[in-house]
Amino acid sequence: MKLLTVVGEGAFGKVFLAKIASTNKYYGVKMLQKHRLIERQVDLDYAKFEINVMKDMKHPNILGIDFVRQEDYYIYLILPFSDGGDLSKCFKEKVRANEKKKFKGVDLTEEQILFWALKIIKAVGYLHSKNIVHRDLKMANILIDTHSDLKVCDFGLAYQFKTDSETQNLPCGTPTTMAPEVINKQPYRMMPDWWSVGIILYEFMNHITPF
């Protein structure tokens, strides 16, 4: 497998586009640096949990995982490749193209927005049915392919509740999509994800974030 180019970067490592020459097949490779996890006081169990979520969640709008490789300093997550990139970049390109009236493909119509919204809502509802809260839903964490199908990804901040009464109060996520209770360190369960979904839908309709 040959790493071709960096297609994304997070707090704990980079995501590469990679290719297997013998099969001519492309993959996404998320390379987690163990020392970054330790420096930020993040237990390696968090990385294991992210891997397990992608392995166990069987839903057409949730990014799966093909296999994992671990070395002394890195953990490699080998992922299906979504050739449309993330939704944030795609959405911005559609908006710019529409403004110039030069977009080639599906126009940014109400039907397209509803199509995307339905995909995201189904994925989030499925996660919640498994007692998992994502905690960092945003356009950049939703991948899109050439068929406009969406895949929710990046479960590095996700958490699975062990009981129906358990709550969390850890403030985490992206400031522009964080729910008030998360920012204020108040107890929460699944509702912060729906707040983030609302922010995404607002962006769809208005082309800007509300905050």
C-alpha atoms as a PDB file:
ATOM      1  CA  MET A   1       0.000   0.000   0.000  1.00  0.00           C
ATOM      2  CA  LYS A   2       1.371   3.390  -1.021  1.00  0.00           C
ATOM      3  CA  LEU A   3       0.405   6.634   0.734  1.00  0.00           C
ATOM      4  CA  LEU A   4      -0.327   9.261  -1.916  1.00  0.00           C
ATOM      5  CA  THR A   5      -1.393  12.508  -0.261  1.00  0.00           C
ATOM      6  CA  VAL A   6      -2.775  13.985   2.946  1.00  0.00           C
ATOM      7  CA  VAL A   7      -6.551  14.489   2.735  1.00  0.00           C
ATOM      8  CA  GLY A   8      -7.237  15.467   6.346  1.00  0.00           C
ATOM      9  CA  GLU A   9      -5.654  16.138   9.707  1.00  0.00           C
ATOM     10  CA  GLY A  10      -6.916  15.915  13.277  1.00  0.00           C
ATOM     11  CA  ALA A  11      -5.614  16.298  16.812  1.00  0.00           C
ATOM     12  CA  PHE A  12      -4.028  12.852  16.902  1.00  0.00           C
ATOM     13  CA  GLY A  13      -2.780  12.303  13.364  1.00  0.00           C
ATOM     14  CA  LYS A  14      -3.388  12.569   9.635  1.00  0.00           C
ATOM     15  CA  VAL A  15      -5.619  10.923   7.059  1.00  0.00           C
ATOM     16  CA  PHE A  16      -3.997   9.838   3.796  1.00  0.00           C
ATOM     17  CA  LEU A  17      -5.258   8.739   0.427  1.00  0.00           C
ATOM     18  CA  ALA A  18      -3.572   5.401  -0.292  1.00  0.00           C
ATOM     19  CA  LYS A  19      -3.513   2.928  -3.160  1.00  0.00           C
ATOM     20  CA  ILE A  20      -2.798  -0.789  -3.473  1.00  0.00           C
ATOM     21  CA  ALA A  21      -1.023  -1.173  -6.805  1.00  0.00           C
ATOM     22  CA  SER A  22      -1.882  -4.867  -7.265  1.00  0.00           C
ATOM     23  CA  THR A  23      -5.634  -4.207  -7.100  1.00  0.00           C
ATOM     24  CA  ASN A  24      -5.648  -0.556  -8.216  1.00  0.00           C
ATOM     25  CA  LYS A  25      -7.960   0.127  -5.258  1.00  0.00           C
ATOM     26  CA  TYR A  26      -7.956   3.298  -3.161  1.00  0.00           C
ATOM     27  CA  TYR A  27      -8.350   3.555   0.618  1.00  0.00           C
ATOM     28  CA  GLY A  28      -8.347   6.185   3.320  1.00  0.00           C
ATOM     29  CA  VAL A  29      -5.647   5.618   5.938  1.00  0.00           C
ATOM     30  CA  LYS A  30      -6.081   7.309   9.316  1.00  0.00           C
ATOM     31  CA  MET A  31      -2.693   7.316  11.018  1.00  0.00           C
ATOM     32  CA  LEU A  32      -2.923   7.877  14.782  1.00  0.00           C
ATOM     33  CA  GLN A  33       0.260   8.892  16.560  1.00  0.00           C
ATOM     34  CA  LYS A  34       0.437   7.168  19.931  1.00  0.00           C
ATOM     35  CA  HIS A  35       2.597   9.884  21.487  1.00  0.00           C
ATOM     36  CA  ARG A  36      -0.045  12.521  20.650  1.00  0.00           C
ATOM     37  CA  LEU A  37      -2.700  10.448  22.389  1.00  0.00           C
ATOM     38  CA  ILE A  38      -0.484  10.181  25.461  1.00  0.00           C
ATOM     39  CA  GLU A  39       0.545  13.872  25.395  1.00  0.00           C
ATOM     40  CA  ARG A  40      -3.108  14.907  25.425  1.00  0.00           C
ATOM     41  CA  GLN A  41      -3.805  12.448  28.246  1.00  0.00           C
ATOM     42  CA  VAL A  42      -6.005  10.325  26.027  1.00  0.00           C
ATOM     43  CA  ASP A  43      -5.990   6.623  26.877  1.00  0.00           C
ATOM     44  CA  LEU A  44      -5.337   4.266  23.954  1.00  0.00           C
ATOM     45  CA  ASP A  45      -8.693   2.728  24.833  1.00  0.00           C
ATOM     46  CA  TYR A  46     -10.268   5.723  23.071  1.00  0.00           C
ATOM     47  CA  ALA A  47      -8.578   4.670  19.830  1.00  0.00           C
ATOM     48  CA  LYS A  48      -9.747   1.094  20.390  1.00  0.00           C
ATOM     49  CA  PHE A  49     -13.281   2.345  20.982  1.00  0.00           C
ATOM     50  CA  GLU A  50     -13.258   4.331  17.724  1.00  0.00           C
ATOM     51  CA  ILE A  51     -12.110   1.216  15.886  1.00  0.00           C
ATOM     52  CA  ASN A  52     -14.810  -0.911  17.503  1.00  0.00           C
ATOM     53  CA  VAL A  53     -17.532   1.592  16.599  1.00  0.00           C
ATOM     54  CA  MET A  54     -16.570   1.491  12.930  1.00  0.00           C
ATOM     55  CA  LYS A  55     -16.326  -2.310  13.013  1.00  0.00           C
ATOM     56  CA  ASP A  56     -19.615  -2.904  14.827  1.00  0.00           C
ATOM     57  CA  MET A  57     -21.912  -0.204  13.402  1.00  0.00           C
ATOM     58  CA  LYS A  58     -23.549  -1.691  10.314  1.00  0.00           C
ATOM     59  CA  HIS A  59     -25.308   1.219   8.645  1.00  0.00           C
ATOM     60  CA  PRO A  60     -25.067   2.549   5.068  1.00  0.00           C
ATOM     61  CA  ASN A  61     -24.436   6.100   6.326  1.00  0.00           C
ATOM     62  CA  ILE A  62     -21.752   5.301   8.880  1.00  0.00           C
ATOM     63  CA  LEU A  63     -18.143   4.859   7.757  1.00  0.00           C
ATOM     64  CA  GLY A  64     -16.896   1.328   8.307  1.00  0.00           C
ATOM     65  CA  ILE A  65     -13.348   0.037   8.605  1.00  0.00           C
ATOM     66  CA  ASP A  66     -11.545  -2.587   6.512  1.00  0.00           C
ATOM     67  CA  PHE A  67      -8.681  -3.478   8.835  1.00  0.00           C
ATOM     68  CA  VAL A  68      -6.274  -2.119  11.466  1.00  0.00           C
ATOM     69  CA  ARG A  69      -2.511  -2.252  11.738  1.00  0.00           C
ATOM     70  CA  GLN A  70      -0.554  -1.334  14.868  1.00  0.00           C
ATOM     71  CA  GLU A  71       3.136  -0.522  15.160  1.00  0.00           C
ATOM     72  CA  ASP A  72       5.322   0.804  17.979  1.00  0.00           C
ATOM     73  CA  TYR A  73       4.485   4.467  17.345  1.00  0.00           C
ATOM     74  CA  TYR A  74       1.404   4.428  15.114  1.00  0.00           C
ATOM     75  CA  ILE A  75      -2.033   2.905  14.753  1.00  0.00           C
ATOM     76  CA  TYR A  76      -3.256   2.685  11.145  1.00  0.00           C
ATOM     77  CA  LEU A  77      -6.988   2.576  10.402  1.00  0.00           C
ATOM     78  CA  ILE A  78      -7.593   1.390   6.841  1.00  0.00           C
ATOM     79  CA  LEU A  79     -10.918   2.837   5.703  1.00  0.00           C
ATOM     80  CA  PRO A  80     -13.145   2.721   2.616  1.00  0.00           C
ATOM     81  CA  PHE A  81     -12.339   5.673   0.364  1.00  0.00           C
ATOM     82  CA  SER A  82     -15.053   8.274  -0.210  1.00  0.00           C
ATOM     83  CA  ASP A  83     -14.026   9.997  -3.418  1.00  0.00           C
ATOM     84  CA  GLY A  84     -16.155  13.095  -2.877  1.00  0.00           C
ATOM     85  CA  GLY A  85     -14.189  14.245   0.173  1.00  0.00           C
ATOM     86  CA  ASP A  86     -15.928  15.672   3.213  1.00  0.00           C
ATOM     87  CA  LEU A  87     -19.286  17.414   3.108  1.00  0.00           C
ATOM     88  CA  SER A  88     -17.844  20.753   4.209  1.00  0.00           C
ATOM     89  CA  LYS A  89     -15.634  21.052   1.128  1.00  0.00           C
ATOM     90  CA  CYS A  90     -18.299  19.689  -1.193  1.00  0.00           C
ATOM     91  CA  PHE A  91     -20.951  22.043   0.161  1.00  0.00           C
ATOM     92  CA  LYS A  92     -18.709  25.095  -0.178  1.00  0.00           C
ATOM     93  CA  GLU A  93     -17.879  24.149  -3.748  1.00  0.00           C
ATOM     94  CA  LYS A  94     -21.570  23.761  -4.597  1.00  0.00           C
ATOM     95  CA  VAL A  95     -22.405  27.135  -3.053  1.00  0.00           C
ATOM     96  CA  ARG A  96     -19.579  28.915  -4.904  1.00  0.00           C
ATOM     97  CA  ALA A  97     -20.512  27.207  -8.151  1.00  0.00           C
ATOM     98  CA  ASN A  98     -24.186  28.074  -7.768  1.00  0.00           C
ATOM     99  CA  GLU A  99     -23.297  31.695  -7.138  1.00  0.00           C
ATOM    100  CA  LYS A 100     -21.336  31.692 -10.389  1.00  0.00           C
ATOM    101  CA  LYS A 101     -24.004  29.618 -12.182  1.00  0.00           C
ATOM    102  CA  LYS A 102     -21.314  27.225 -13.345  1.00  0.00           C
ATOM    103  CA  PHE A 103     -21.931  24.168 -11.182  1.00  0.00           C
ATOM    104  CA  LYS A 104     -21.771  20.939 -13.189  1.00  0.00           C
ATOM    105  CA  GLY A 105     -23.821  18.239 -11.481  1.00  0.00           C
ATOM    106  CA  VAL A 106     -26.601  18.170  -8.899  1.00  0.00           C
ATOM    107  CA  ASP A 107     -27.733  21.695  -8.118  1.00  0.00           C
ATOM    108  CA  LEU A 108     -27.981  22.839  -4.509  1.00  0.00           C
ATOM    109  CA  THR A 109     -31.737  22.393  -4.429  1.00  0.00           C
ATOM    110  CA  GLU A 110     -34.118  21.919  -1.527  1.00  0.00           C
ATOM    111  CA  GLU A 111     -34.436  18.279  -2.590  1.00  0.00           C
ATOM    112  CA  GLN A 112     -30.663  17.801  -2.348  1.00  0.00           C
ATOM    113  CA  ILE A 113     -30.588  19.393   1.098  1.00  0.00           C
ATOM    114  CA  LEU A 114     -33.448  17.163   2.286  1.00  0.00           C
ATOM    115  CA  PHE A 115     -31.664  14.126   0.839  1.00  0.00           C
ATOM    116  CA  TRP A 116     -28.503  14.937   2.793  1.00  0.00           C
ATOM    117  CA  ALA A 117     -30.461  15.774   5.958  1.00  0.00           C
ATOM    118  CA  LEU A 118     -32.278  12.430   5.864  1.00  0.00           C
ATOM    119  CA  LYS A 119     -29.000  10.529   5.540  1.00  0.00           C
ATOM    120  CA  ILE A 120     -27.464  12.341   8.518  1.00  0.00           C
ATOM    121  CA  ILE A 121     -30.570  11.929  10.689  1.00  0.00           C
ATOM    122  CA  LYS A 122     -30.739   8.198   9.946  1.00  0.00           C
ATOM    123  CA  ALA A 123     -27.063   7.718  10.848  1.00  0.00           C
ATOM    124  CA  VAL A 124     -27.349   9.678  14.101  1.00  0.00           C
ATOM    125  CA  GLY A 125     -30.547   7.858  15.054  1.00  0.00           C
ATOM    126  CA  TYR A 126     -28.808   4.535  14.488  1.00  0.00           C
ATOM    127  CA  LEU A 127     -25.857   5.543  16.702  1.00  0.00           C
ATOM    128  CA  HIS A 128     -28.239   6.615  19.446  1.00  0.00           C
ATOM    129  CA  SER A 129     -30.098   3.302  19.224  1.00  0.00           C
ATOM    130  CA  LYS A 130     -26.757   1.738  20.235  1.00  0.00           C
ATOM    131  CA  ASN A 131     -26.371   4.237  23.142  1.00  0.00           C
ATOM    132  CA  ILE A 132     -23.549   6.049  21.325  1.00  0.00           C
ATOM    133  CA  VAL A 133     -23.290   9.836  21.256  1.00  0.00           C
ATOM    134  CA  HIS A 134     -20.930  11.183  18.557  1.00  0.00           C
ATOM    135  CA  ARG A 135     -20.106  14.549  20.224  1.00  0.00           C
ATOM    136  CA  ASP A 136     -18.399  16.102  17.189  1.00  0.00           C
ATOM    137  CA  LEU A 137     -20.937  16.130  14.374  1.00  0.00           C
ATOM    138  CA  LYS A 138     -20.097  18.701  11.719  1.00  0.00           C
ATOM    139  CA  MET A 139     -19.828  18.854   7.940  1.00  0.00           C
ATOM    140  CA  ALA A 140     -16.111  18.047   8.051  1.00  0.00           C
ATOM    141  CA  ASN A 141     -16.905  14.726   9.772  1.00  0.00           C
ATOM    142  CA  ILE A 142     -19.323  13.595   7.079  1.00  0.00           C
ATOM    143  CA  LEU A 143     -17.893  12.075   3.905  1.00  0.00           C
ATOM    144  CA  ILE A 144     -19.560  12.061   0.501  1.00  0.00           C
ATOM    145  CA  ASP A 145     -19.076   9.916  -2.593  1.00  0.00           C
ATOM    146  CA  THR A 146     -19.756  10.584  -6.258  1.00  0.00           C
ATOM    147  CA  HIS A 147     -23.314   9.302  -5.819  1.00  0.00           C
ATOM    148  CA  SER A 148     -23.952  11.948  -3.114  1.00  0.00           C
ATOM    149  CA  ASP A 149     -24.238   9.233  -0.456  1.00  0.00           C
ATOM    150  CA  LEU A 150     -23.057  10.313   2.997  1.00  0.00           C
ATOM    151  CA  LYS A 151     -20.972   8.564   5.652  1.00  0.00           C
ATOM    152  CA  VAL A 152     -20.646   9.883   9.211  1.00  0.00           C
ATOM    153  CA  CYS A 153     -17.043   9.418  10.341  1.00  0.00           C
ATOM    154  CA  ASP A 154     -14.470  10.330  13.012  1.00  0.00           C
ATOM    155  CA  PHE A 155     -15.597   8.696  16.252  1.00  0.00           C
ATOM    156  CA  GLY A 156     -12.584   9.851  18.248  1.00  0.00           C
ATOM    157  CA  LEU A 157     -14.784  11.793  20.703  1.00  0.00           C
ATOM    158  CA  ALA A 158     -17.741   9.401  20.708  1.00  0.00           C
ATOM    159  CA  TYR A 159     -18.975   7.771  23.907  1.00  0.00           C
ATOM    160  CA  GLN A 160     -21.161   4.754  24.572  1.00  0.00           C
ATOM    161  CA  PHE A 161     -23.417   4.980  27.609  1.00  0.00           C
ATOM    162  CA  LYS A 162     -23.441   1.862  29.756  1.00  0.00           C
ATOM    163  CA  THR A 163     -26.914   2.417  31.222  1.00  0.00           C
ATOM    164  CA  ASP A 164     -30.046   4.353  30.267  1.00  0.00           C
ATOM    165  CA  SER A 165     -29.574   6.700  33.233  1.00  0.00           C
ATOM    166  CA  GLU A 166     -25.876   7.465  32.748  1.00  0.00           C
ATOM    167  CA  THR A 167     -24.901  10.998  31.701  1.00  0.00           C
ATOM    168  CA  GLN A 168     -21.734  12.802  30.643  1.00  0.00           C
ATOM    169  CA  ASN A 169     -20.545  16.352  31.302  1.00  0.00           C
ATOM    170  CA  LEU A 170     -17.219  16.370  29.444  1.00  0.00           C
ATOM    171  CA  PRO A 171     -16.935  19.477  27.229  1.00  0.00           C
ATOM    172  CA  CYS A 172     -15.656  18.312  23.850  1.00  0.00           C
ATOM    173  CA  GLY A 173     -16.287  18.842  20.164  1.00  0.00           C
ATOM    174  CA  THR A 174     -16.046  21.812  17.812  1.00  0.00           C
ATOM    175  CA  PRO A 175     -17.091  25.174  19.335  1.00  0.00           C
ATOM    176  CA  THR A 176     -19.365  26.218  16.438  1.00  0.00           C
ATOM    177  CA  THR A 177     -21.449  23.036  16.719  1.00  0.00           C
ATOM    178  CA  MET A 178     -21.312  22.379  20.493  1.00  0.00           C
ATOM    179  CA  ALA A 179     -24.589  22.393  22.400  1.00  0.00           C
ATOM    180  CA  PRO A 180     -24.996  24.846  25.319  1.00  0.00           C
ATOM    181  CA  GLU A 181     -25.094  22.054  27.915  1.00  0.00           C
ATOM    182  CA  VAL A 182     -21.766  20.724  26.651  1.00  0.00           C
ATOM    183  CA  ILE A 183     -20.124  24.151  26.784  1.00  0.00           C
ATOM    184  CA  ASN A 184     -21.508  24.728  30.299  1.00  0.00           C
ATOM    185  CA  LYS A 185     -20.400  21.265  31.516  1.00  0.00           C
ATOM    186  CA  GLN A 186     -23.966  20.261  32.326  1.00  0.00           C
ATOM    187  CA  PRO A 187     -25.123  16.610  32.257  1.00  0.00           C
ATOM    188  CA  TYR A 188     -26.116  15.381  28.806  1.00  0.00           C
ATOM    189  CA  ARG A 189     -26.883  12.237  26.847  1.00  0.00           C
ATOM    190  CA  MET A 190     -27.858  12.276  23.167  1.00  0.00           C
ATOM    191  CA  MET A 191     -29.277  15.780  22.744  1.00  0.00           C
ATOM    192  CA  PRO A 192     -25.952  17.495  21.863  1.00  0.00           C
ATOM    193  CA  ASP A 193     -25.841  15.462  18.656  1.00  0.00           C
ATOM    194  CA  TRP A 194     -29.264  16.755  17.600  1.00  0.00           C
ATOM    195  CA  TRP A 195     -28.136  20.315  18.338  1.00  0.00           C
ATOM    196  CA  SER A 196     -25.188  19.721  16.000  1.00  0.00           C
ATOM    197  CA  VAL A 197     -27.495  18.284  13.343  1.00  0.00           C
ATOM    198  CA  GLY A 198     -29.566  21.474  13.631  1.00  0.00           C
ATOM    199  CA  ILE A 199     -26.426  23.565  13.092  1.00  0.00           C
ATOM    200  CA  ILE A 200     -25.590  21.545   9.978  1.00  0.00           C
ATOM    201  CA  LEU A 201     -29.115  22.010   8.594  1.00  0.00           C
ATOM    202  CA  TYR A 202     -28.881  25.745   9.294  1.00  0.00           C
ATOM    203  CA  GLU A 203     -25.642  25.810   7.276  1.00  0.00           C
ATOM    204  CA  PHE A 204     -27.381  23.973   4.450  1.00  0.00           C
ATOM    205  CA  MET A 205     -30.126  26.590   4.263  1.00  0.00           C
ATOM    206  CA  ASN A 206     -28.152  29.765   4.994  1.00  0.00           C
ATOM    207  CA  HIS A 207     -24.595  28.935   3.834  1.00  0.00           C
ATOM    208  CA  ILE A 208     -23.157  30.162   7.165  1.00  0.00           C
ATOM    209  CA  THR A 209     -23.054  28.932  10.767  1.00  0.00           C
ATOM    210  CA  PRO A 210     -25.470  30.618  13.214  1.00  0.00           C
ATOM    211  CA  PHE A 211     -22.749  31.338  15.775  1.00  0.00           C
END
